[in-house]
């Protein structure tokens, strides 16, 4: 009798559990705290690719077109240790093809002092390269490989039309990581910086697109995929901090044009240094508010010196800014107003040695015109 009652009770308890669990009435403590009653995710059962914005599509299209034309350059440089023993050092940088014949633009410091150059394409094809021309004053170099097949090339844009705020893309091999794309904007223009040899690189494009060691020599592209600069330097030691510099591509065009016509590139030389002043600062110096290029120094034996261009007589502080006073203020070059820091560099990029340039300068309260015949740069390395 007791056995029958026990079996009947067990059957009733089982029936209760089945019914309440199906109806959702089973207590939480009985079902367990980790029980899952629904799907683990929401959305369609079949995954789909995320929609891409117009800007993302633009980035992807430019990368697909440009990264195959960007190369990794490995140079072998022989150095001496503390005991003057010679040992080889392998350094790397980037470059990019500009024509089907295998011509590559890169930085001079990427190949400087190298005994052997190896170029690696995106498909890992390797070639030995030779140096055709150098422009150390702009940290540019032209090298060549003899490709066994057709190579992809990049279009060269016009760096004179670059504007602050426009989108740019950098492709290179930072830290040996080939085919790396970074995106940013043009942060400023006309920056003068010093390279490792203490040479001043004038009129650089500043960008916040990440540039790191190994990016040097790679292309800086606009949103149309045109090369507007050659990635050259970063601010400070180590890696990227959001301040990188690229040499305007029009300087490379001048180098290639000179090489093509005479197999020897030479830059025109004016021979002045100074700063762009305008607005309140110019008025504080009793100069026209429209401003211009204020000459601080005139290099001896330069075209500017021969034409009588005058440099600063002394340096003073206006607020927190140190400026040279007493020198000529260049208002215009060949009739074109000086309204930006890199105006002189832009004008010189259109000239060649032997040409003349007409400077409109403000001197002793009035504007005068001075004609300056241009000579070539001095001390530049050429092959």
Protein backbone atom coordinates (compact mmCIF):
# COMPACT_ATOMS: atom_id res chain seq x y z
CA UNK A 1 0.00 0.00 0.00
CA UNK A 2 2.79 2.44 0.91
CA UNK A 3 4.64 1.56 -2.31
CA UNK A 4 1.57 2.40 -4.39
CA UNK A 5 1.21 5.77 -2.70
CA UNK A 6 4.93 6.56 -3.29
CA UNK A 7 4.75 5.67 -7.00
CA UNK A 8 1.57 7.71 -7.47
CA UNK A 9 3.15 10.71 -5.76
CA UNK A 10 6.22 10.49 -7.98
CA UNK A 11 4.10 10.37 -11.12
CA UNK A 12 2.09 13.42 -10.02
CA UNK A 13 5.26 15.38 -9.21
CA UNK A 14 6.74 14.57 -12.62
CA UNK A 15 3.59 15.64 -14.38
CA UNK A 16 3.62 18.95 -12.46
CA UNK A 17 7.22 19.71 -13.50
CA UNK A 18 6.52 18.99 -17.19
CA UNK A 19 3.37 21.10 -17.28
CA UNK A 20 4.80 24.09 -15.40
CA UNK A 21 8.08 24.12 -17.33
CA UNK A 22 6.25 24.20 -20.65
CA UNK A 23 3.97 26.97 -19.48
CA UNK A 24 6.83 29.04 -17.96
CA UNK A 25 5.40 28.69 -14.45
CA UNK A 26 8.36 26.74 -13.05
CA UNK A 27 10.06 28.81 -10.29
CA UNK A 28 13.46 30.39 -11.24
CA UNK A 29 15.18 28.62 -8.33
CA UNK A 30 14.01 25.31 -9.77
CA UNK A 31 14.95 26.08 -13.41
CA UNK A 32 18.44 27.38 -12.53
CA UNK A 33 19.81 30.94 -12.77
CA UNK A 34 21.78 30.29 -16.01
CA UNK A 35 18.94 28.91 -18.02
CA UNK A 36 18.47 30.48 -21.50
CA UNK A 37 14.97 30.72 -22.86
CA UNK A 38 15.62 32.83 -26.00
CA UNK A 39 18.21 33.40 -28.76
CA UNK A 40 21.68 34.66 -27.82
CA UNK A 41 21.62 37.52 -30.37
CA UNK A 42 19.17 39.66 -32.23
CA UNK A 43 19.09 40.27 -35.97
CA UNK A 44 18.77 38.22 -39.14
CA UNK A 45 19.59 34.53 -39.09
CA UNK A 46 21.98 35.00 -42.05
CA UNK A 47 24.85 37.47 -41.41
CA UNK A 48 25.37 40.27 -43.95
CA UNK A 49 28.34 42.61 -44.57
CA UNK A 50 28.07 46.00 -42.93
CA UNK A 51 27.12 48.88 -45.19
CA UNK A 52 30.06 51.11 -46.11
CA UNK A 53 29.98 54.89 -46.09
CA UNK A 54 31.00 56.89 -49.15
CA UNK A 55 34.24 57.86 -47.41
CA UNK A 56 35.06 54.24 -46.57
CA UNK A 57 34.46 53.21 -50.18
CA UNK A 58 36.79 56.01 -51.27
CA UNK A 59 39.52 54.77 -48.90
CA UNK A 60 39.14 51.19 -50.14
CA UNK A 61 39.21 52.18 -53.83
CA UNK A 62 42.34 54.31 -53.42
CA UNK A 63 44.14 51.61 -51.46
CA UNK A 64 43.32 48.94 -54.04
CA UNK A 65 44.74 51.17 -56.75
CA UNK A 66 47.75 52.55 -54.93
CA UNK A 67 49.19 49.89 -52.64
CA UNK A 68 50.44 47.70 -55.50
CA UNK A 69 52.44 50.66 -56.83
CA UNK A 70 54.04 51.28 -53.42
CA UNK A 71 57.27 49.39 -52.78
CA UNK A 72 59.48 48.51 -49.84
CA UNK A 73 63.10 49.64 -50.19
CA UNK A 74 65.78 47.87 -48.20
CA UNK A 75 69.23 49.43 -48.18
CA UNK A 76 72.49 47.97 -46.90
CA UNK A 77 74.71 50.56 -45.25
CA UNK A 78 78.17 49.80 -43.90
CA UNK A 79 78.97 51.43 -40.56
CA UNK A 80 81.78 51.26 -38.02
CA UNK A 81 81.50 50.22 -34.40
CA UNK A 82 83.37 51.66 -31.40
CA UNK A 83 86.49 49.74 -32.42
CA UNK A 84 86.23 50.91 -36.06
CA UNK A 85 85.17 47.50 -37.28
CA UNK A 86 82.96 47.69 -40.38
CA UNK A 87 79.56 45.98 -40.18
CA UNK A 88 76.49 46.01 -42.46
CA UNK A 89 73.19 47.55 -41.35
CA UNK A 90 69.91 46.94 -43.14
CA UNK A 91 67.50 49.85 -43.17
CA UNK A 92 64.12 50.11 -44.85
CA UNK A 93 61.81 52.70 -46.30
CA UNK A 94 59.20 53.09 -48.99
CA UNK A 95 58.85 54.37 -52.53
CA UNK A 96 56.42 54.31 -55.45
CA UNK A 97 56.45 53.70 -59.20
CA UNK A 98 55.92 56.71 -61.46
CA UNK A 99 56.18 55.00 -64.86
CA UNK A 100 56.23 51.60 -66.56
CA UNK A 101 60.01 51.71 -67.01
CA UNK A 102 60.53 51.07 -63.31
CA UNK A 103 61.30 54.60 -62.10
CA UNK A 104 60.71 55.01 -58.36
CA UNK A 105 60.52 58.14 -56.23
CA UNK A 106 61.71 57.91 -52.63
CA UNK A 107 63.53 59.96 -50.00
CA UNK A 108 67.24 60.61 -50.29
CA UNK A 109 67.78 59.56 -46.68
CA UNK A 110 66.27 56.14 -47.47
CA UNK A 111 69.06 55.35 -49.93
CA UNK A 112 71.81 57.68 -48.69
CA UNK A 113 75.13 55.93 -48.16
CA UNK A 114 73.78 52.57 -49.28
CA UNK A 115 75.99 49.99 -50.91
CA UNK A 116 73.07 47.87 -52.09
CA UNK A 117 69.40 48.58 -52.75
CA UNK A 118 66.65 45.97 -52.91
CA UNK A 119 63.08 46.83 -53.93
CA UNK A 120 60.24 44.51 -52.92
CA UNK A 121 56.87 44.82 -54.64
CA UNK A 122 53.49 44.12 -53.06
CA UNK A 123 53.49 40.62 -54.61
CA UNK A 124 56.90 39.99 -52.99
CA UNK A 125 58.80 40.18 -56.29
CA UNK A 126 62.30 41.52 -55.60
CA UNK A 127 64.62 43.61 -57.75
CA UNK A 128 68.01 45.20 -57.37
CA UNK A 129 67.82 48.99 -57.84
CA UNK A 130 70.21 51.66 -59.06
CA UNK A 131 70.28 55.34 -58.10
CA UNK A 132 69.68 57.78 -60.97
CA UNK A 133 69.53 61.16 -59.25
CA UNK A 134 69.38 62.80 -55.84
CA UNK A 135 68.11 66.10 -54.48
CA UNK A 136 69.40 66.25 -50.88
CA UNK A 137 68.10 69.78 -50.36
CA UNK A 138 64.57 68.40 -50.74
CA UNK A 139 65.40 64.89 -49.43
CA UNK A 140 64.33 63.29 -52.70
CA UNK A 141 65.84 60.57 -54.86
CA UNK A 142 65.05 58.84 -58.14
CA UNK A 143 65.94 55.15 -58.42
CA UNK A 144 65.22 52.48 -61.02
CA UNK A 145 64.59 48.77 -61.33
CA UNK A 146 64.31 46.69 -64.50
CA UNK A 147 60.92 45.01 -64.08
CA UNK A 148 60.25 41.65 -65.72
CA UNK A 149 56.57 42.53 -66.09
CA UNK A 150 54.38 45.61 -66.26
CA UNK A 151 54.30 47.45 -62.94
CA UNK A 152 51.44 49.56 -61.56
CA UNK A 153 52.10 53.30 -61.34
CA UNK A 154 50.68 56.29 -59.48
CA UNK A 155 49.43 59.57 -60.89
CA UNK A 156 51.24 62.71 -59.75
CA UNK A 157 48.99 65.54 -58.59
CA UNK A 158 49.61 69.27 -58.08
CA UNK A 159 50.86 70.13 -54.60
CA UNK A 160 50.39 73.85 -55.27
CA UNK A 161 46.62 73.30 -55.05
CA UNK A 162 46.68 71.54 -51.68
CA UNK A 163 44.51 73.10 -48.96
CA UNK A 164 44.53 72.78 -45.19
CA UNK A 165 41.76 70.45 -44.09
CA UNK A 166 41.62 68.27 -47.17
CA UNK A 167 41.71 64.51 -46.75
CA UNK A 168 44.94 62.62 -47.40
CA UNK A 169 46.01 58.98 -47.31
CA UNK A 170 49.50 57.65 -46.61
CA UNK A 171 50.73 54.23 -47.78
CA UNK A 172 54.03 52.69 -46.76
CA UNK A 173 55.88 50.10 -44.75
CA UNK A 174 56.08 51.40 -41.16
CA UNK A 175 58.30 49.22 -38.97
CA UNK A 176 58.45 46.78 -41.91
CA UNK A 177 54.67 46.24 -41.93
CA UNK A 178 54.17 46.36 -45.69
CA UNK A 179 51.13 47.85 -47.36
CA UNK A 180 49.92 49.89 -44.38
CA UNK A 181 47.27 52.57 -45.00
CA UNK A 182 46.65 55.54 -42.71
CA UNK A 183 44.20 58.39 -43.23
CA UNK A 184 44.17 62.00 -42.06
CA UNK A 185 44.09 65.58 -43.29
CA UNK A 186 46.50 68.30 -44.31
CA UNK A 187 47.15 70.06 -41.00
CA UNK A 188 49.28 72.91 -42.31
CA UNK A 189 51.53 73.92 -45.19
CA UNK A 190 54.82 75.68 -45.69
CA UNK A 191 56.54 74.11 -42.67
CA UNK A 192 60.34 74.33 -42.45
CA UNK A 193 62.00 71.49 -40.52
CA UNK A 194 65.54 70.26 -40.05
CA UNK A 195 66.60 66.78 -41.08
CA UNK A 196 69.12 64.54 -39.34
CA UNK A 197 71.97 66.33 -41.16
CA UNK A 198 70.71 69.69 -39.84
CA UNK A 199 69.69 70.67 -43.36
CA UNK A 200 66.50 72.76 -43.56
CA UNK A 201 63.70 71.14 -45.56
CA UNK A 202 61.53 74.00 -46.73
CA UNK A 203 57.83 74.27 -47.47
CA UNK A 204 56.75 70.86 -46.15
CA UNK A 205 53.16 69.64 -45.99
CA UNK A 206 52.09 68.80 -42.44
CA UNK A 207 49.63 65.96 -41.89
CA UNK A 208 48.08 64.02 -39.02
CA UNK A 209 47.93 60.82 -41.09
CA UNK A 210 50.09 58.42 -39.10
CA UNK A 211 53.67 58.35 -40.41
CA UNK A 212 56.24 56.12 -38.72
CA UNK A 213 59.78 54.88 -39.41
CA UNK A 214 59.57 52.90 -42.66
CA UNK A 215 56.95 55.22 -44.18
CA UNK A 216 59.68 57.50 -45.52
CA UNK A 217 59.54 57.77 -49.29
CA UNK A 218 55.97 56.51 -49.59
CA UNK A 219 53.15 58.42 -51.27
CA UNK A 220 50.79 60.91 -49.65
CA UNK A 221 47.62 60.79 -51.75
CA UNK A 222 44.57 63.01 -52.11
CA UNK A 223 40.99 61.74 -52.23
CA UNK A 224 41.32 61.21 -56.00
CA UNK A 225 44.32 58.93 -55.61
CA UNK A 226 46.82 61.50 -56.90
CA UNK A 227 50.22 61.76 -55.20
CA UNK A 228 50.56 65.21 -53.64
CA UNK A 229 53.54 64.54 -51.39
CA UNK A 230 56.37 62.19 -50.45
CA UNK A 231 56.20 61.14 -46.79
CA UNK A 232 59.48 62.31 -45.29
CA UNK A 233 59.65 62.95 -41.55
CA UNK A 234 57.87 62.87 -38.22
CA UNK A 235 58.02 65.32 -35.37
CA UNK A 236 60.23 64.14 -32.51
CA UNK A 237 61.91 60.77 -31.98
CA UNK A 238 60.21 57.39 -32.07
CA UNK A 239 56.79 56.84 -33.59
CA UNK A 240 53.85 58.88 -34.76
CA UNK A 241 52.37 61.57 -32.53
CA UNK A 242 50.05 63.06 -35.13
CA UNK A 243 52.57 65.44 -36.71
CA UNK A 244 54.14 64.18 -39.91
CA UNK A 245 55.68 65.96 -42.87
CA UNK A 246 55.68 65.28 -46.61
CA UNK A 247 57.72 66.90 -49.36
CA UNK A 248 55.38 68.48 -51.96
CA UNK A 249 55.27 66.36 -55.10
CA UNK A 250 55.99 69.34 -57.36
CA UNK A 251 59.56 69.30 -56.03
CA UNK A 252 59.90 65.72 -57.26
CA UNK A 253 58.48 66.76 -60.64
CA UNK A 254 61.22 69.36 -60.94
CA UNK A 255 63.86 66.76 -60.10
CA UNK A 256 62.51 64.36 -62.73
CA UNK A 257 62.19 67.11 -65.32
CA UNK A 258 65.80 68.16 -64.77
CA UNK A 259 66.97 64.55 -64.98
CA UNK A 260 65.04 63.97 -68.20
CA UNK A 261 66.43 67.02 -69.97
CA UNK A 262 70.01 67.13 -68.76
CA UNK A 263 70.54 64.04 -66.57
CA UNK A 264 71.52 66.48 -63.86
CA UNK A 265 68.97 68.17 -61.62
CA UNK A 266 69.71 71.66 -60.31
CA UNK A 267 67.48 73.94 -58.28
CA UNK A 268 67.24 77.69 -58.68
CA UNK A 269 68.70 79.62 -55.77
CA UNK A 270 67.45 82.92 -54.35
CA UNK A 271 69.39 82.95 -51.08
CA UNK A 272 67.06 84.40 -48.44
CA UNK A 273 65.53 83.16 -45.21
CA UNK A 274 62.90 84.75 -43.02
CA UNK A 275 59.29 84.48 -41.92
CA UNK A 276 55.80 85.26 -43.18
CA UNK A 277 54.18 88.13 -41.24
CA UNK A 278 50.74 89.71 -41.62
CA UNK A 279 47.95 91.38 -39.66
CA UNK A 280 48.63 92.72 -36.18
CA UNK A 281 52.22 91.51 -36.18
CA UNK A 282 52.97 93.33 -39.42
CA UNK A 283 51.32 96.52 -38.18
CA UNK A 284 53.30 96.34 -34.93
CA UNK A 285 56.44 96.40 -37.09
CA UNK A 286 55.03 99.38 -39.06
CA UNK A 287 54.61 97.21 -42.16
CA UNK A 288 51.56 96.81 -44.44
CA UNK A 289 48.86 94.74 -42.72
CA UNK A 290 48.45 92.62 -45.86
CA UNK A 291 51.86 91.23 -44.99
CA UNK A 292 54.49 89.33 -46.90
CA UNK A 293 57.79 87.51 -46.47
CA UNK A 294 60.04 89.38 -44.03
CA UNK A 295 63.69 88.78 -44.89
CA UNK A 296 65.87 87.89 -41.91
CA UNK A 297 69.07 86.70 -43.58
CA UNK A 298 70.60 87.05 -47.03
CA UNK A 299 73.17 84.41 -47.90
CA UNK A 300 76.55 85.78 -49.00
CA UNK A 301 77.31 85.53 -52.72
CA UNK A 302 73.68 84.67 -53.45
CA UNK A 303 71.47 86.16 -56.20
CA UNK A 304 69.51 88.05 -53.53
CA UNK A 305 72.71 89.55 -52.13
CA UNK A 306 73.85 90.59 -55.61
CA UNK A 307 70.48 92.27 -56.23
CA UNK A 308 70.72 94.24 -52.99
CA UNK A 309 68.01 92.47 -50.96
CA UNK A 310 68.40 93.46 -47.31
CA UNK A 311 68.19 91.30 -44.20
CA UNK A 312 67.29 92.09 -40.60
CA UNK A 313 69.39 94.60 -38.66
CA UNK A 314 68.34 93.34 -35.24
CA UNK A 315 65.87 91.01 -33.53
CA UNK A 316 63.10 92.13 -31.20
CA UNK A 317 60.19 90.55 -29.37
CA UNK A 318 56.65 91.50 -30.31
CA UNK A 319 54.55 89.90 -27.58
CA UNK A 320 55.95 86.37 -27.38
CA UNK A 321 57.26 86.34 -30.95
CA UNK A 322 60.88 87.06 -31.87
CA UNK A 323 61.17 88.77 -35.24
CA UNK A 324 63.93 90.34 -37.26
CA UNK A 325 63.47 94.00 -38.13
CA UNK A 326 65.11 96.27 -40.67
CA UNK A 327 64.98 93.81 -43.57
CA UNK A 328 62.96 93.92 -46.78
CA UNK A 329 59.36 92.72 -46.78
CA UNK A 330 58.65 90.80 -50.01
CA UNK A 331 55.11 91.78 -51.00
CA UNK A 332 54.89 89.98 -54.37
CA UNK A 333 56.85 87.65 -56.65
CA UNK A 334 56.43 88.21 -60.38
CA UNK A 335 53.32 90.21 -59.56
CA UNK A 336 51.75 87.42 -57.47
CA UNK A 337 50.97 88.47 -53.90
CA UNK A 338 52.86 86.76 -51.10
CA UNK A 339 49.97 85.59 -48.94
CA UNK A 340 51.21 82.33 -47.43
CA UNK A 341 54.39 81.05 -45.72
CA UNK A 342 55.52 78.89 -48.64
CA UNK A 343 55.01 81.53 -51.35
CA UNK A 344 58.71 81.84 -52.17
CA UNK A 345 59.19 78.08 -52.36
CA UNK A 346 56.15 77.81 -54.64
CA UNK A 347 57.54 80.49 -56.92
CA UNK A 348 60.99 78.88 -57.04
CA UNK A 349 59.46 75.51 -57.98
CA UNK A 350 58.41 77.09 -61.29
CA UNK A 351 61.86 78.46 -62.07
CA UNK A 352 65.17 77.10 -63.28
CA UNK A 353 68.72 78.46 -63.00
CA UNK A 354 69.22 81.34 -65.39
CA UNK A 355 65.66 82.63 -65.02
CA UNK A 356 64.93 85.94 -63.34
CA UNK A 357 62.36 86.75 -60.67
CA UNK A 358 60.83 90.18 -59.98
CA UNK A 359 60.42 90.89 -56.28
CA UNK A 360 58.17 93.68 -55.05
CA UNK A 361 59.62 94.67 -51.68
CA UNK A 362 58.52 97.16 -49.03
CA UNK A 363 61.52 99.21 -47.95
CA UNK A 364 61.67 102.43 -45.94
CA UNK A 365 57.97 103.08 -46.24
CA UNK A 366 57.51 102.43 -49.96
CA UNK A 367 57.26 99.56 -52.42
CA UNK A 368 60.08 99.03 -54.92
CA UNK A 369 60.66 96.37 -57.56
CA UNK A 370 63.90 94.42 -57.70
CA UNK A 371 64.90 92.08 -60.53
CA UNK A 372 66.90 89.04 -59.34
CA UNK A 373 68.66 86.65 -61.79
CA UNK A 374 68.64 83.17 -60.29
CA UNK A 375 71.60 80.82 -59.97
CA UNK A 376 71.69 77.13 -59.06
CA UNK A 377 71.94 75.71 -55.57
CA UNK A 378 75.39 74.93 -54.23
CA UNK A 379 76.69 71.89 -52.43
CA UNK A 380 74.00 69.51 -53.72
CA UNK A 381 74.98 65.94 -54.46
CA UNK A 382 74.47 64.87 -58.08
CA UNK A 383 75.39 61.81 -60.08
